C-alpha atoms as a PDB file:
ATOM      1  CA  UNK A   1      14.950 163.563 341.561  1.00  0.00           C
ATOM      2  CA  UNK A   2      11.731 162.084 342.900  1.00  0.00           C
ATOM      3  CA  UNK A   3       9.499 159.669 340.939  1.00  0.00           C
ATOM      4  CA  UNK A   4      11.966 158.596 338.276  1.00  0.00           C
ATOM      5  CA  UNK A   5       9.105 157.492 336.000  1.00  0.00           C
ATOM      6  CA  UNK A   6       7.351 160.880 335.889  1.00  0.00           C
ATOM      7  CA  UNK A   7       8.450 163.124 333.056  1.00  0.00           C
ATOM      8  CA  UNK A   8       6.571 166.046 334.566  1.00  0.00           C
ATOM      9  CA  UNK A   9       8.471 165.703 337.848  1.00  0.00           C
ATOM     10  CA  UNK A  10      11.873 165.323 336.199  1.00  0.00           C
ATOM     11  CA  UNK A  11      11.422 168.099 333.647  1.00  0.00           C
ATOM     12  CA  UNK A  12       9.919 170.485 336.217  1.00  0.00           C
ATOM     13  CA  UNK A  13      13.100 170.060 338.261  1.00  0.00           C
ATOM     14  CA  UNK A  14      15.145 170.821 335.149  1.00  0.00           C
ATOM     15  CA  UNK A  15      13.062 173.941 334.568  1.00  0.00           C
ATOM     16  CA  UNK A  16      13.818 175.109 338.112  1.00  0.00           C
ATOM     17  CA  UNK A  17      17.537 174.553 337.599  1.00  0.00           C
ATOM     18  CA  UNK A  18      17.442 176.381 334.246  1.00  0.00           C
ATOM     19  CA  UNK A  19      15.643 179.325 335.831  1.00  0.00           C
ATOM     20  CA  UNK A  20      18.310 179.470 338.541  1.00  0.00           C
ATOM     21  CA  UNK A  21      21.121 179.392 335.970  1.00  0.00           C
ATOM     22  CA  UNK A  22      19.551 182.264 334.039  1.00  0.00           C
ATOM     23  CA  UNK A  23      19.137 184.183 337.298  1.00  0.00           C
ATOM     24  CA  UNK A  24      22.883 183.799 337.979  1.00  0.00           C
ATOM     25  CA  UNK A  25      23.575 185.187 334.510  1.00  0.00           C
ATOM     26  CA  UNK A  26      21.241 188.157 335.021  1.00  0.00           C
ATOM     27  CA  UNK A  27      22.663 188.868 338.457  1.00  0.00           C
ATOM     28  CA  UNK A  28      26.135 189.117 336.901  1.00  0.00           C
ATOM     29  CA  UNK A  29      24.782 191.438 334.182  1.00  0.00           C
ATOM     30  CA  UNK A  30      23.125 193.603 336.819  1.00  0.00           C
ATOM     31  CA  UNK A  31      26.412 193.888 338.700  1.00  0.00           C
ATOM     32  CA  UNK A  32      28.280 194.710 335.501  1.00  0.00           C
ATOM     33  CA  UNK A  33      30.414 191.578 335.805  1.00  0.00           C
ATOM     34  CA  UNK A  34      30.388 190.777 332.111  1.00  0.00           C
ATOM     35  CA  UNK A  35      32.946 187.920 332.063  1.00  0.00           C
ATOM     36  CA  UNK A  36      30.928 186.169 334.795  1.00  0.00           C
ATOM     37  CA  UNK A  37      27.697 186.923 332.914  1.00  0.00           C
ATOM     38  CA  UNK A  38      29.182 185.341 329.778  1.00  0.00           C
ATOM     39  CA  UNK A  39      30.278 182.236 331.721  1.00  0.00           C
ATOM     40  CA  UNK A  40      26.866 181.948 333.371  1.00  0.00           C
ATOM     41  CA  UNK A  41      25.127 182.314 330.014  1.00  0.00           C
ATOM     42  CA  UNK A  42      27.303 179.509 328.620  1.00  0.00           C
ATOM     43  CA  UNK A  43      26.353 177.287 331.580  1.00  0.00           C
ATOM     44  CA  UNK A  44      22.681 178.083 331.039  1.00  0.00           C
ATOM     45  CA  UNK A  45      22.937 177.427 327.295  1.00  0.00           C
ATOM     46  CA  UNK A  46      24.727 174.095 327.806  1.00  0.00           C
ATOM     47  CA  UNK A  47      22.040 172.915 330.233  1.00  0.00           C
ATOM     48  CA  UNK A  48      19.251 174.213 328.006  1.00  0.00           C
ATOM     49  CA  UNK A  49      20.708 172.482 324.949  1.00  0.00           C
ATOM     50  CA  UNK A  50      20.844 169.172 326.820  1.00  0.00           C
ATOM     51  CA  UNK A  51      17.241 169.700 327.936  1.00  0.00           C
ATOM     52  CA  UNK A  52      16.035 170.628 324.422  1.00  0.00           C
ATOM     53  CA  UNK A  53      17.900 167.743 322.802  1.00  0.00           C
ATOM     54  CA  UNK A  54      16.249 165.288 325.200  1.00  0.00           C
ATOM     55  CA  UNK A  55      12.838 166.708 324.426  1.00  0.00           C
ATOM     56  CA  UNK A  56      13.448 166.875 320.674  1.00  0.00           C
ATOM     57  CA  UNK A  57      14.806 163.340 320.335  1.00  0.00           C
ATOM     58  CA  UNK A  58      12.799 161.483 322.974  1.00  0.00           C
ATOM     59  CA  UNK A  59       9.635 163.359 323.881  1.00  0.00           C
ATOM     60  CA  UNK A  60       8.400 165.238 320.838  1.00  0.00           C
ATOM     61  CA  UNK A  61       8.574 162.219 318.545  1.00  0.00           C
ATOM     62  CA  UNK A  62       6.549 160.206 321.054  1.00  0.00           C
ATOM     63  CA  UNK A  63       4.113 163.080 321.622  1.00  0.00           C
ATOM     64  CA  UNK A  64       3.325 163.102 317.890  1.00  0.00           C
ATOM     65  CA  UNK A  65       2.151 159.484 318.204  1.00  0.00           C
ATOM     66  CA  UNK A  66      -0.316 160.128 321.041  1.00  0.00           C
ATOM     67  CA  UNK A  67      -4.053 160.357 320.492  1.00  0.00           C
ATOM     68  CA  UNK A  68      -4.188 163.380 322.821  1.00  0.00           C
ATOM     69  CA  UNK A  69      -1.013 165.526 322.785  1.00  0.00           C
ATOM     70  CA  UNK A  70      -2.227 167.534 325.773  1.00  0.00           C
ATOM     71  CA  UNK A  71      -3.495 170.729 324.228  1.00  0.00           C
ATOM     72  CA  UNK A  72      -0.667 171.727 321.884  1.00  0.00           C
ATOM     73  CA  UNK A  73       0.899 169.904 318.953  1.00  0.00           C
ATOM     74  CA  UNK A  74       4.475 168.638 319.145  1.00  0.00           C
ATOM     75  CA  UNK A  75       5.452 171.069 316.396  1.00  0.00           C
ATOM     76  CA  UNK A  76       4.739 174.056 318.678  1.00  0.00           C
ATOM     77  CA  UNK A  77       7.363 172.916 321.183  1.00  0.00           C
ATOM     78  CA  UNK A  78       9.903 172.446 318.404  1.00  0.00           C
ATOM     79  CA  UNK A  79       9.206 175.930 317.025  1.00  0.00           C
ATOM     80  CA  UNK A  80       9.635 177.393 320.499  1.00  0.00           C
ATOM     81  CA  UNK A  81      12.938 175.557 320.916  1.00  0.00           C
ATOM     82  CA  UNK A  82      14.142 177.115 317.661  1.00  0.00           C
ATOM     83  CA  UNK A  83      13.023 180.602 318.725  1.00  0.00           C
ATOM     84  CA  UNK A  84      14.737 180.275 322.125  1.00  0.00           C
ATOM     85  CA  UNK A  85      17.952 179.133 320.415  1.00  0.00           C
ATOM     86  CA  UNK A  86      17.815 182.084 318.028  1.00  0.00           C
ATOM     87  CA  UNK A  87      17.282 184.589 320.840  1.00  0.00           C
ATOM     88  CA  UNK A  88      20.095 183.084 322.920  1.00  0.00           C
ATOM     89  CA  UNK A  89      22.485 183.201 319.961  1.00  0.00           C
ATOM     90  CA  UNK A  90      21.762 186.908 319.535  1.00  0.00           C
ATOM     91  CA  UNK A  91      22.070 187.501 323.284  1.00  0.00           C
ATOM     92  CA  UNK A  92      25.491 185.884 323.360  1.00  0.00           C
ATOM     93  CA  UNK A  93      26.652 188.068 320.442  1.00  0.00           C
ATOM     94  CA  UNK A  94      25.323 191.188 322.177  1.00  0.00           C
ATOM     95  CA  UNK A  95      26.994 190.265 325.446  1.00  0.00           C
ATOM     96  CA  UNK A  96      30.360 189.516 323.837  1.00  0.00           C
ATOM     97  CA  UNK A  97      30.177 192.772 321.851  1.00  0.00           C
ATOM     98  CA  UNK A  98      29.350 194.732 324.995  1.00  0.00           C
ATOM     99  CA  UNK A  99      32.188 193.115 326.918  1.00  0.00           C
ATOM    100  CA  UNK A 100      34.664 193.976 324.140  1.00  0.00           C
ATOM    101  CA  UNK A 101      33.687 197.664 324.295  1.00  0.00           C
ATOM    102  CA  UNK A 102      35.093 197.961 327.839  1.00  0.00           C
ATOM    103  CA  UNK A 103      32.613 200.647 328.875  1.00  0.00           C
ATOM    104  CA  UNK A 104      32.342 202.034 332.380  1.00  0.00           C
ATOM    105  CA  UNK A 105      30.188 204.395 334.418  1.00  0.00           C
ATOM    106  CA  UNK A 106      26.925 205.680 332.998  1.00  0.00           C
ATOM    107  CA  UNK A 107      27.626 204.375 329.497  1.00  0.00           C
ATOM    108  CA  UNK A 108      28.002 200.833 330.856  1.00  0.00           C
ATOM    109  CA  UNK A 109      24.908 201.096 333.039  1.00  0.00           C
ATOM    110  CA  UNK A 110      22.814 202.266 330.076  1.00  0.00           C
ATOM    111  CA  UNK A 111      23.978 199.291 328.000  1.00  0.00           C
ATOM    112  CA  UNK A 112      23.350 196.868 330.891  1.00  0.00           C
ATOM    113  CA  UNK A 113      19.799 198.130 331.338  1.00  0.00           C
ATOM    114  CA  UNK A 114      19.152 197.813 327.603  1.00  0.00           C
ATOM    115  CA  UNK A 115      20.569 194.272 327.649  1.00  0.00           C
ATOM    116  CA  UNK A 116      18.355 193.278 330.580  1.00  0.00           C
ATOM    117  CA  UNK A 117      15.360 194.763 328.764  1.00  0.00           C
ATOM    118  CA  UNK A 118      16.116 192.629 325.687  1.00  0.00           C
ATOM    119  CA  UNK A 119      16.448 189.557 327.897  1.00  0.00           C
ATOM    120  CA  UNK A 120      12.806 189.935 328.950  1.00  0.00           C
ATOM    121  CA  UNK A 121      11.699 188.342 325.691  1.00  0.00           C
ATOM    122  CA  UNK A 122      13.874 185.281 326.326  1.00  0.00           C
ATOM    123  CA  UNK A 123      12.628 184.934 329.889  1.00  0.00           C
ATOM    124  CA  UNK A 124       9.013 185.357 328.820  1.00  0.00           C
ATOM    125  CA  UNK A 125       9.292 182.805 326.037  1.00  0.00           C
ATOM    126  CA  UNK A 126      11.034 180.302 328.340  1.00  0.00           C
ATOM    127  CA  UNK A 127       8.414 180.770 331.063  1.00  0.00           C
ATOM    128  CA  UNK A 128       5.491 180.265 328.675  1.00  0.00           C
ATOM    129  CA  UNK A 129       7.229 177.307 327.060  1.00  0.00           C
ATOM    130  CA  UNK A 130       7.827 175.665 330.449  1.00  0.00           C
ATOM    131  CA  UNK A 131       4.222 176.262 331.497  1.00  0.00           C
ATOM    132  CA  UNK A 132       2.944 174.673 328.262  1.00  0.00           C
ATOM    133  CA  UNK A 133       5.185 171.642 328.729  1.00  0.00           C
ATOM    134  CA  UNK A 134       4.152 171.153 332.356  1.00  0.00           C
ATOM    135  CA  UNK A 135       0.438 171.616 331.568  1.00  0.00           C
ATOM    136  CA  UNK A 136       0.286 169.780 328.243  1.00  0.00           C
ATOM    137  CA  UNK A 137       3.090 167.646 326.881  1.00  0.00           C
ATOM    138  CA  UNK A 138       4.453 166.126 330.093  1.00  0.00           C
ATOM    139  CA  UNK A 139       1.148 165.048 331.683  1.00  0.00           C
ATOM    140  CA  UNK A 140       0.045 163.644 328.309  1.00  0.00           C
ATOM    141  CA  UNK A 141       3.228 161.587 328.039  1.00  0.00           C
ATOM    142  CA  UNK A 142       3.032 160.466 331.679  1.00  0.00           C
ATOM    143  CA  UNK A 143      -0.577 159.333 331.222  1.00  0.00           C
ATOM    144  CA  UNK A 144      -0.320 157.732 327.763  1.00  0.00           C
ATOM    145  CA  UNK A 145       3.034 155.926 327.911  1.00  0.00           C
ATOM    146  CA  UNK A 146       4.218 153.108 330.111  1.00  0.00           C
ATOM    147  CA  UNK A 147       6.538 153.543 333.057  1.00  0.00           C
ATOM    148  CA  UNK A 148       9.173 151.211 331.595  1.00  0.00           C
ATOM    149  CA  UNK A 149       9.614 153.440 328.523  1.00  0.00           C
ATOM    150  CA  UNK A 150       9.766 156.579 330.642  1.00  0.00           C
ATOM    151  CA  UNK A 151      12.353 155.096 333.025  1.00  0.00           C
ATOM    152  CA  UNK A 152      14.433 153.874 330.098  1.00  0.00           C
ATOM    153  CA  UNK A 153      14.763 157.397 328.696  1.00  0.00           C
ATOM    154  CA  UNK A 154      14.769 159.319 331.982  1.00  0.00           C
ATOM    155  CA  UNK A 155      17.600 157.475 333.730  1.00  0.00           C
ATOM    156  CA  UNK A 156      20.311 158.226 331.134  1.00  0.00           C
ATOM    157  CA  UNK A 157      19.033 161.795 330.819  1.00  0.00           C
ATOM    158  CA  UNK A 158      19.256 162.350 334.586  1.00  0.00           C
ATOM    159  CA  UNK A 159      22.825 161.016 334.619  1.00  0.00           C
ATOM    160  CA  UNK A 160      23.832 163.369 331.812  1.00  0.00           C
ATOM    161  CA  UNK A 161      21.936 166.267 333.389  1.00  0.00           C
ATOM    162  CA  UNK A 162      23.662 165.788 336.740  1.00  0.00           C
ATOM    163  CA  UNK A 163      27.038 165.683 335.015  1.00  0.00           C
ATOM    164  CA  UNK A 164      26.210 168.994 333.303  1.00  0.00           C
ATOM    165  CA  UNK A 165      24.280 170.835 336.002  1.00  0.00           C
ATOM    166  CA  UNK A 166      24.832 170.604 339.729  1.00  0.00           C
ATOM    167  CA  UNK A 167      21.297 170.973 341.115  1.00  0.00           C
END
């Protein structure tokens, strides 16, 4: 990852990888490959949880201390994290339930379309959340914290991220 002291650069790369992981999940849903869709959703969720935990423990606490949090309060990001987690928990339940029904043909296609429609809310929330982070929180932290602090938290995160997600 380039510029190891820039949170915006590092987190933007994570966002790209997360988007790709969710795409893999949705592609499997579209093809009706539910076991692969479940596996891909688990990969996405694992990466997202690592990402959220880093932000919750390292970034949001520091953002609360800044004079200018970049347009949105730290609490907004935390609330969005909770909402995303809630939606993903429900999605996983829906997907496992659908897989257990062993549908085929038109009945399966109807359920797959309905599932993809419900996933729009997750995608939309994630996209808006990422945009807010990249426009507000991350530039504010990059501008109002020192490079030594950023490197100290980024380097272990990158190592853990790379062990979890092959980007």
